[in-house]
Amino acid sequence: MAAISELAVVEEGAEIGEGVEIGPFAYVSAKAKIGDRTTIGQCARIDGDTTIGEECRIFSHAVVGSIPQDLKFHGEEVKLIIGDRNTIREFTLLNPGTEGGGGVTKIGNDNLFMGYVHVAHDCIIGDRCIFANAATLAGHVEVGNGVVVGGMTPIHQFVKIGDLAMIAGASALSQDIPPYCLAEGNRAVLRGLNLTGLRRNLPRETVNELRVAYKELFERGKPLKEAAEALLAGAESEEVKAMCRFVLETKRGIPYERMKDDK
């Protein structure tokens, strides 16, 4: 049975799961769907056609599902879909999609959004990501699994970030970051592999293969896509293949410091 404060506003039509807790002065729209055992804190707002999975924690003054901050938005039907066990801290803002991006913003499972994070329209976010305080994602950003974005870091629209990548705090990212890599700076550039994250998630042999691949791609001075094609042709590791495919498919380019061929 849900525990809803008498001071909360839950519009007729909202679907509220078992064990949901809704604090005083919170608002839940008529089109919202709230999964079992999710908690919605005091003064939080769940707006629009928003689906929230099970066991999420939404803290005070978070705004989830309010209309996109896009001048092309004209009231069309759009959605925000959030998976299970996400933590959404104070004053975070999550927007739904727009007609130009398929109409859906989608967030996976087990993510942490710290205070004042903004996820704009049409973003796609995987599982187990961490967005530190005041990280901001513009529209159409795609983020893989296990990604960490440091505080005060803005990410340009249409940027893609691969699995287990890390973007340092107070950076400004305007190009794509391949999986397993670490980027830092304003503008952010590759600084190497996210070795701490890799060692926590991948076997040592795979990490060593990725170190060799990173050097071949970004430190040999060869044309980037030529190096990626050569590596992909001979790679056995799925992780190395994923890195090469990402490089070959990038639309915004990879931000790395060009070096002379060391042959």
Protein backbone atom coordinates (compact mmCIF):
# COMPACT_ATOMS: atom_id res chain seq x y z
CA MET A 1 0.00 0.00 0.00
CA ALA A 2 1.31 3.47 -0.90
CA ALA A 3 2.04 6.04 1.80
CA ILE A 4 1.01 9.42 0.37
CA SER A 5 1.14 12.57 2.46
CA GLU A 6 -2.15 14.42 2.83
CA LEU A 7 -0.25 17.52 1.69
CA ALA A 8 0.91 15.94 -1.61
CA VAL A 9 -0.94 16.49 -4.90
CA VAL A 10 -1.43 13.29 -6.90
CA GLU A 11 -3.65 13.88 -9.91
CA GLU A 12 -6.39 11.45 -10.80
CA GLY A 13 -5.11 8.92 -13.32
CA ALA A 14 -1.60 8.60 -11.93
CA GLU A 15 -0.53 4.96 -11.51
CA ILE A 16 1.08 4.45 -8.11
CA GLY A 17 2.75 1.14 -7.29
CA GLU A 18 2.86 -0.82 -4.06
CA GLY A 19 4.93 0.61 -1.22
CA VAL A 20 5.42 4.01 -2.87
CA GLU A 21 6.07 6.92 -0.51
CA ILE A 22 5.18 10.49 -1.52
CA GLY A 23 6.16 13.35 0.77
CA PRO A 24 4.37 16.60 1.59
CA PHE A 25 3.97 19.21 -1.15
CA ALA A 26 5.15 16.77 -3.83
CA TYR A 27 3.25 16.76 -7.15
CA VAL A 28 2.53 13.78 -9.40
CA SER A 29 0.86 14.31 -12.78
CA ALA A 30 -2.12 12.38 -14.10
CA LYS A 31 0.01 10.61 -16.74
CA ALA A 32 2.77 9.53 -14.37
CA LYS A 33 3.49 5.89 -13.57
CA ILE A 34 5.44 5.26 -10.36
CA GLY A 35 6.94 1.81 -9.75
CA ASP A 36 6.80 -0.21 -6.54
CA ARG A 37 8.72 0.99 -3.49
CA THR A 38 9.84 4.27 -5.10
CA THR A 39 10.08 7.27 -2.78
CA ILE A 40 9.31 10.85 -3.82
CA GLY A 41 10.56 13.50 -1.43
CA GLN A 42 9.06 16.69 -0.13
CA CYS A 43 8.38 19.29 -2.84
CA ALA A 44 9.55 17.04 -5.69
CA ARG A 45 7.62 17.33 -8.98
CA ILE A 46 6.81 14.44 -11.34
CA ASP A 47 5.37 15.97 -14.47
CA GLY A 48 4.00 14.89 -17.84
CA ASP A 49 4.04 11.37 -19.28
CA THR A 50 6.77 10.06 -17.01
CA THR A 51 7.40 6.45 -16.11
CA ILE A 52 9.58 5.73 -13.09
CA GLY A 53 10.65 2.20 -12.25
CA GLU A 54 10.87 0.36 -8.95
CA GLU A 55 12.90 1.34 -5.88
CA CYS A 56 13.94 4.75 -7.16
CA ARG A 57 14.69 7.56 -4.72
CA ILE A 58 13.69 11.06 -5.77
CA PHE A 59 14.79 13.76 -3.37
CA SER A 60 13.38 17.14 -2.41
CA HIS A 61 12.81 19.72 -5.16
CA ALA A 62 13.83 17.44 -8.03
CA VAL A 63 11.81 18.17 -11.19
CA VAL A 64 11.26 15.07 -13.31
CA GLY A 65 9.44 15.20 -16.64
CA SER A 66 8.79 18.92 -17.12
CA ILE A 67 8.58 20.09 -20.75
CA PRO A 68 11.82 20.28 -22.78
CA GLN A 69 13.86 23.47 -22.83
CA ASP A 70 13.71 23.49 -26.62
CA LEU A 71 12.16 26.34 -28.59
CA LYS A 72 10.95 23.82 -31.22
CA PHE A 73 8.74 22.09 -28.67
CA HIS A 74 5.06 22.90 -29.26
CA GLY A 75 3.24 20.68 -26.80
CA GLU A 76 3.44 17.37 -28.67
CA GLU A 77 3.12 14.09 -26.77
CA VAL A 78 6.54 13.17 -25.38
CA LYS A 79 7.84 10.80 -22.71
CA LEU A 80 10.45 10.32 -20.03
CA ILE A 81 11.20 6.70 -19.11
CA ILE A 82 13.31 5.96 -16.04
CA GLY A 83 14.36 2.46 -14.99
CA ASP A 84 14.80 0.87 -11.57
CA ARG A 85 16.87 1.83 -8.52
CA ASN A 86 17.88 5.27 -9.73
CA THR A 87 18.80 7.96 -7.21
CA ILE A 88 17.81 11.49 -8.21
CA ARG A 89 19.09 14.07 -5.77
CA GLU A 90 17.95 17.58 -4.88
CA PHE A 91 17.17 20.11 -7.63
CA THR A 92 17.94 17.71 -10.47
CA LEU A 93 16.03 18.41 -13.72
CA LEU A 94 15.19 15.60 -16.15
CA ASN A 95 13.32 16.49 -19.37
CA PRO A 96 11.34 14.25 -21.75
CA GLY A 97 12.04 13.92 -25.47
CA THR A 98 11.03 16.04 -28.43
CA GLU A 99 9.50 15.30 -31.80
CA GLY A 100 12.91 15.82 -33.44
CA GLY A 101 14.54 13.14 -31.31
CA GLY A 102 11.93 10.40 -31.27
CA GLY A 103 9.89 11.86 -28.43
CA VAL A 104 11.59 9.94 -25.62
CA THR A 105 14.30 10.54 -23.05
CA LYS A 106 15.34 7.17 -21.62
CA ILE A 107 17.34 6.40 -18.49
CA GLY A 108 18.39 2.89 -17.47
CA ASN A 109 18.90 1.32 -14.04
CA ASP A 110 21.07 1.97 -10.97
CA ASN A 111 22.19 5.49 -11.90
CA LEU A 112 23.09 8.30 -9.50
CA PHE A 113 22.19 11.88 -10.40
CA MET A 114 23.68 14.19 -7.78
CA GLY A 115 22.32 17.64 -6.95
CA TYR A 116 21.55 20.14 -9.74
CA VAL A 117 22.22 17.69 -12.58
CA HIS A 118 20.35 18.46 -15.81
CA VAL A 119 19.49 15.81 -18.42
CA ALA A 120 17.94 17.51 -21.44
CA HIS A 121 15.53 16.24 -24.10
CA ASP A 122 16.10 13.03 -26.08
CA CYS A 123 19.07 11.83 -24.03
CA ILE A 124 19.71 8.10 -23.75
CA ILE A 125 21.53 6.94 -20.61
CA GLY A 126 22.55 3.38 -19.79
CA ASP A 127 22.99 1.65 -16.43
CA ARG A 128 25.19 2.29 -13.38
CA CYS A 129 26.29 5.80 -14.36
CA ILE A 130 27.25 8.57 -11.95
CA PHE A 131 26.64 12.24 -12.71
CA ALA A 132 28.26 14.46 -10.09
CA ASN A 133 26.84 17.76 -8.89
CA ALA A 134 25.81 20.23 -11.62
CA ALA A 135 26.82 18.03 -14.55
CA THR A 136 24.68 19.11 -17.52
CA LEU A 137 23.73 17.08 -20.59
CA ALA A 138 22.39 18.94 -23.62
CA GLY A 139 19.84 17.40 -25.97
CA HIS A 140 20.36 14.09 -27.77
CA VAL A 141 23.39 13.03 -25.69
CA GLU A 142 23.98 9.26 -25.50
CA VAL A 143 25.77 7.75 -22.50
CA GLY A 144 26.77 4.10 -22.18
CA ASN A 145 26.97 1.90 -19.07
CA GLY A 146 29.18 2.59 -16.07
CA VAL A 147 30.08 6.14 -17.15
CA VAL A 148 31.22 8.76 -14.62
CA VAL A 149 30.78 12.48 -15.34
CA GLY A 150 32.46 14.89 -12.92
CA GLY A 151 30.81 17.90 -11.34
CA MET A 152 30.30 21.19 -13.19
CA THR A 153 30.88 19.49 -16.57
CA PRO A 154 28.70 20.47 -19.54
CA ILE A 155 28.24 18.04 -22.44
CA HIS A 156 27.40 19.35 -25.91
CA GLN A 157 24.30 18.17 -27.76
CA PHE A 158 24.57 14.95 -29.81
CA VAL A 159 27.77 13.84 -28.02
CA LYS A 160 28.19 10.11 -27.39
CA ILE A 161 30.10 8.61 -24.46
CA GLY A 162 31.04 4.94 -24.48
CA ASP A 163 30.88 2.34 -21.70
CA LEU A 164 33.07 2.80 -18.61
CA ALA A 165 34.36 6.17 -19.78
CA MET A 166 35.08 8.96 -17.30
CA ILE A 167 34.83 12.71 -17.86
CA ALA A 168 36.69 14.74 -15.25
CA GLY A 169 35.04 17.50 -13.26
CA ALA A 170 34.96 21.08 -14.53
CA SER A 171 35.61 19.91 -18.09
CA ALA A 172 33.64 20.91 -21.19
CA LEU A 173 32.95 18.08 -23.60
CA SER A 174 32.05 18.80 -27.22
CA GLN A 175 33.15 15.58 -28.99
CA ASP A 176 32.61 11.84 -28.59
CA ILE A 177 34.52 9.84 -25.98
CA PRO A 178 35.22 6.17 -26.82
CA PRO A 179 34.45 3.45 -24.30
CA TYR A 180 36.95 2.86 -21.48
CA CYS A 181 38.65 6.24 -21.91
CA LEU A 182 39.33 9.18 -19.59
CA ALA A 183 38.84 12.76 -20.80
CA GLU A 184 39.64 16.04 -19.07
CA GLY A 185 40.02 19.74 -19.82
CA ASN A 186 38.24 22.67 -21.43
CA ARG A 187 37.76 21.63 -24.13
CA ALA A 188 38.05 18.05 -22.91
CA VAL A 189 40.56 15.76 -24.62
CA LEU A 190 41.56 12.15 -24.04
CA ARG A 191 44.09 11.68 -21.24
CA GLY A 192 44.33 7.89 -21.35
CA LEU A 193 42.22 4.98 -20.20
CA ASN A 194 39.89 5.05 -17.20
CA LEU A 195 42.13 2.52 -15.50
CA THR A 196 40.45 2.68 -12.10
CA GLY A 197 37.06 1.93 -13.63
CA LEU A 198 38.49 -0.78 -15.89
CA ARG A 199 40.27 -2.59 -13.05
CA ARG A 200 37.02 -2.66 -11.09
CA ASN A 201 35.03 -4.13 -13.95
CA LEU A 202 37.28 -6.06 -16.35
CA PRO A 203 39.91 -8.81 -16.03
CA ARG A 204 43.58 -7.82 -16.13
CA GLU A 205 44.14 -9.41 -19.52
CA THR A 206 41.39 -7.29 -21.08
CA VAL A 207 42.77 -4.11 -19.49
CA ASN A 208 46.19 -4.89 -20.93
CA GLU A 209 44.70 -5.42 -24.39
CA LEU A 210 42.92 -2.09 -24.13
CA ARG A 211 46.16 -0.34 -23.16
CA VAL A 212 47.85 -1.68 -26.30
CA ALA A 213 44.84 -0.66 -28.43
CA TYR A 214 44.71 2.85 -26.94
CA LYS A 215 48.40 3.40 -27.72
CA GLU A 216 47.91 2.17 -31.27
CA LEU A 217 44.90 4.40 -31.86
CA PHE A 218 45.85 7.63 -30.13
CA GLU A 219 49.62 7.67 -29.55
CA ARG A 220 51.21 6.34 -32.74
CA GLY A 221 50.41 9.30 -34.96
CA LYS A 222 48.62 7.18 -37.56
CA PRO A 223 45.38 8.33 -39.21
CA LEU A 224 42.76 7.48 -36.58
CA LYS A 225 40.22 5.60 -38.67
CA GLU A 226 42.95 3.76 -40.56
CA ALA A 227 44.40 2.58 -37.24
CA ALA A 228 40.92 1.57 -36.01
CA GLU A 229 40.21 -0.47 -39.13
CA ALA A 230 43.53 -2.31 -38.82
CA LEU A 231 42.97 -3.05 -35.14
CA LEU A 232 39.40 -4.20 -35.70
CA ALA A 233 40.48 -6.66 -38.38
CA GLY A 234 42.80 -8.49 -35.96
CA ALA A 235 41.15 -7.92 -32.59
CA GLU A 236 39.95 -10.84 -30.48
CA SER A 237 38.79 -8.86 -27.44
CA GLU A 238 35.17 -7.67 -27.64
CA GLU A 239 36.18 -4.56 -25.71
CA VAL A 240 38.88 -3.64 -28.24
CA LYS A 241 36.39 -4.25 -31.04
CA ALA A 242 33.89 -1.96 -29.32
CA MET A 243 36.47 0.81 -29.03
CA CYS A 244 37.41 0.49 -32.71
CA ARG A 245 33.79 0.47 -33.87
CA PHE A 246 33.08 3.57 -31.80
CA VAL A 247 35.98 5.39 -33.47
CA LEU A 248 34.82 4.36 -36.93
CA GLU A 249 31.21 5.40 -36.29
CA THR A 250 31.77 8.74 -34.54
CA LYS A 251 29.96 11.73 -36.02
CA ARG A 252 31.44 14.50 -33.86
CA GLY A 253 35.01 13.21 -33.86
CA ILE A 254 37.32 12.12 -31.05
CA PRO A 255 39.16 14.81 -29.06
CA TYR A 256 42.77 13.69 -28.70
CA GLU A 257 46.16 15.34 -29.03
CA ARG A 258 47.80 14.39 -32.31
CA MET A 259 51.29 12.96 -31.97
CA LYS A 260 53.99 12.23 -34.49
CA ASP A 261 54.45 8.65 -35.63
CA ASP A 262 57.05 7.09 -33.30
CA LYS A 263 58.15 4.34 -35.66
